[in-house]
Amino acid sequence: KQWYQRRVRARTKALLEMVHNKLPKVNFLVFERLVYHLAQVAKEEDTNKMNAGSLAVIFAPNLLRPSVEPPAMQALDEIKLRTIVLRSIVEAMLVKFKEGLLTINAMDDADPSP
């Protein structure tokens, strides 16, 4: 199990590096906006029953598709990994989103007196 977790972390790190450093700016902005949208959907999990994992199952095969599809058995393993990676990215964005809301709420509640 530890081997698998190390593999997932390594792939997640590699993907994030690619997203931040290698994608053209326009592609990165689209990816970032889409992940932000997925985090907003996940934020409403109590209502829509869609958490980061559920969203990753649906979107990972398309968002994280390699340019050359591997053989069938390897593709099944890759889909699992892509799903885990996208879930991690959405969860990280969800944390960032919630922290932003807390900051906004704190600013709203702040005492305006000098």
Protein backbone atom coordinates (compact mmCIF):
# COMPACT_ATOMS: atom_id res chain seq x y z
CA LYS A 1 0.00 0.00 0.00
CA GLN A 2 2.86 2.40 0.77
CA TRP A 3 4.32 1.73 -2.66
CA TYR A 4 1.01 2.69 -4.25
CA GLN A 5 0.73 5.88 -2.16
CA ARG A 6 4.29 6.88 -3.11
CA ARG A 7 3.43 6.27 -6.76
CA VAL A 8 0.31 8.42 -6.47
CA ARG A 9 2.23 11.23 -4.73
CA ALA A 10 4.96 11.09 -7.38
CA ARG A 11 2.40 11.23 -10.18
CA THR A 12 0.50 14.03 -8.48
CA LYS A 13 3.70 16.04 -8.08
CA ALA A 14 4.63 15.40 -11.72
CA LEU A 15 1.17 16.42 -12.92
CA LEU A 16 1.14 19.58 -10.84
CA GLU A 17 4.58 20.47 -12.17
CA MET A 18 3.31 19.98 -15.70
CA VAL A 19 0.19 22.02 -15.03
CA HIS A 20 2.11 24.90 -13.47
CA ASN A 21 5.20 24.93 -15.69
CA LYS A 22 4.53 23.26 -19.00
CA LEU A 23 1.00 24.02 -20.10
CA PRO A 24 0.53 27.05 -22.27
CA LYS A 25 -0.89 29.89 -20.20
CA VAL A 26 -4.33 29.71 -21.82
CA ASN A 27 -4.57 25.96 -21.19
CA PHE A 28 -3.46 26.42 -17.58
CA LEU A 29 -6.08 29.12 -17.04
CA VAL A 30 -8.82 26.89 -18.47
CA PHE A 31 -7.68 23.94 -16.33
CA GLU A 32 -7.49 26.12 -13.23
CA ARG A 33 -10.96 27.54 -13.84
CA LEU A 34 -12.42 24.09 -14.42
CA VAL A 35 -10.86 22.77 -11.20
CA TYR A 36 -12.21 25.81 -9.37
CA HIS A 37 -15.69 25.04 -10.74
CA LEU A 38 -15.36 21.39 -9.67
CA ALA A 39 -14.37 22.56 -6.17
CA GLN A 40 -17.48 24.75 -6.06
CA VAL A 41 -19.61 21.74 -7.01
CA ALA A 42 -17.86 19.62 -4.34
CA LYS A 43 -18.50 22.35 -1.78
CA GLU A 44 -22.23 21.64 -2.19
CA GLU A 45 -21.78 17.90 -1.57
CA ASP A 46 -24.54 17.81 1.06
CA THR A 47 -27.03 18.94 -1.57
CA ASN A 48 -25.75 17.37 -4.79
CA LYS A 49 -24.00 14.23 -3.40
CA MET A 50 -20.95 14.96 -5.58
CA ASN A 51 -17.69 15.02 -3.63
CA ALA A 52 -14.20 15.50 -5.06
CA GLY A 53 -13.84 11.75 -5.59
CA SER A 54 -17.11 11.44 -7.51
CA LEU A 55 -16.22 14.39 -9.70
CA ALA A 56 -12.76 12.96 -10.34
CA VAL A 57 -14.25 9.65 -11.50
CA ILE A 58 -16.27 11.54 -14.10
CA PHE A 59 -13.73 14.12 -15.27
CA ALA A 60 -10.27 12.52 -14.82
CA PRO A 61 -10.38 10.27 -17.90
CA ASN A 62 -10.90 13.33 -20.10
CA LEU A 63 -8.91 16.01 -18.31
CA LEU A 64 -5.81 13.92 -17.69
CA ARG A 65 -5.76 11.88 -20.86
CA PRO A 66 -2.29 11.08 -22.26
CA SER A 67 -1.52 11.99 -25.85
CA VAL A 68 -0.96 8.27 -26.60
CA GLU A 69 -3.31 5.86 -24.87
CA PRO A 70 -1.49 2.93 -23.19
CA PRO A 71 -2.46 -0.75 -23.66
CA ALA A 72 -5.81 -1.77 -22.13
CA MET A 73 -4.57 -3.25 -18.83
CA GLN A 74 -2.17 -0.39 -18.23
CA ALA A 75 -4.93 2.07 -19.13
CA LEU A 76 -7.10 0.68 -16.30
CA ASP A 77 -4.32 1.33 -13.78
CA GLU A 78 -3.71 4.76 -15.28
CA ILE A 79 -7.38 5.72 -14.98
CA LYS A 80 -7.28 4.87 -11.27
CA LEU A 81 -4.21 7.03 -10.82
CA ARG A 82 -5.62 9.89 -12.87
CA THR A 83 -8.77 9.80 -10.75
CA ILE A 84 -6.77 9.95 -7.52
CA VAL A 85 -4.63 12.78 -8.86
CA LEU A 86 -7.61 14.86 -9.99
CA ARG A 87 -9.38 14.21 -6.68
CA SER A 88 -6.28 15.51 -4.87
CA ILE A 89 -6.19 18.62 -7.04
CA VAL A 90 -9.91 19.32 -6.55
CA GLU A 91 -9.58 18.77 -2.80
CA ALA A 92 -6.64 21.19 -2.67
CA MET A 93 -8.67 23.78 -4.59
CA LEU A 94 -11.63 23.18 -2.27
CA VAL A 95 -9.44 23.91 0.76
CA LYS A 96 -8.16 27.05 -0.95
CA PHE A 97 -11.73 28.06 -1.82
CA LYS A 98 -12.95 27.53 1.77
CA GLU A 99 -9.97 29.46 3.18
CA GLY A 100 -10.81 32.32 0.82
CA LEU A 101 -14.40 32.34 2.06
CA LEU A 102 -13.20 32.41 5.67
CA THR A 103 -10.97 35.38 4.87
CA ILE A 104 -13.82 37.22 3.17
CA ASN A 105 -16.15 36.48 6.09
CA ALA A 106 -13.52 37.64 8.57
CA MET A 107 -13.11 40.88 6.63
CA ASP A 108 -16.89 41.35 6.57
CA ASP A 109 -17.08 40.82 10.31
CA ALA A 110 -14.12 43.07 11.09
CA ASP A 111 -14.70 46.17 13.16
CA PRO A 112 -14.57 49.14 10.75
CA SER A 113 -13.60 51.59 13.50
CA PRO A 114 -10.06 53.02 13.27
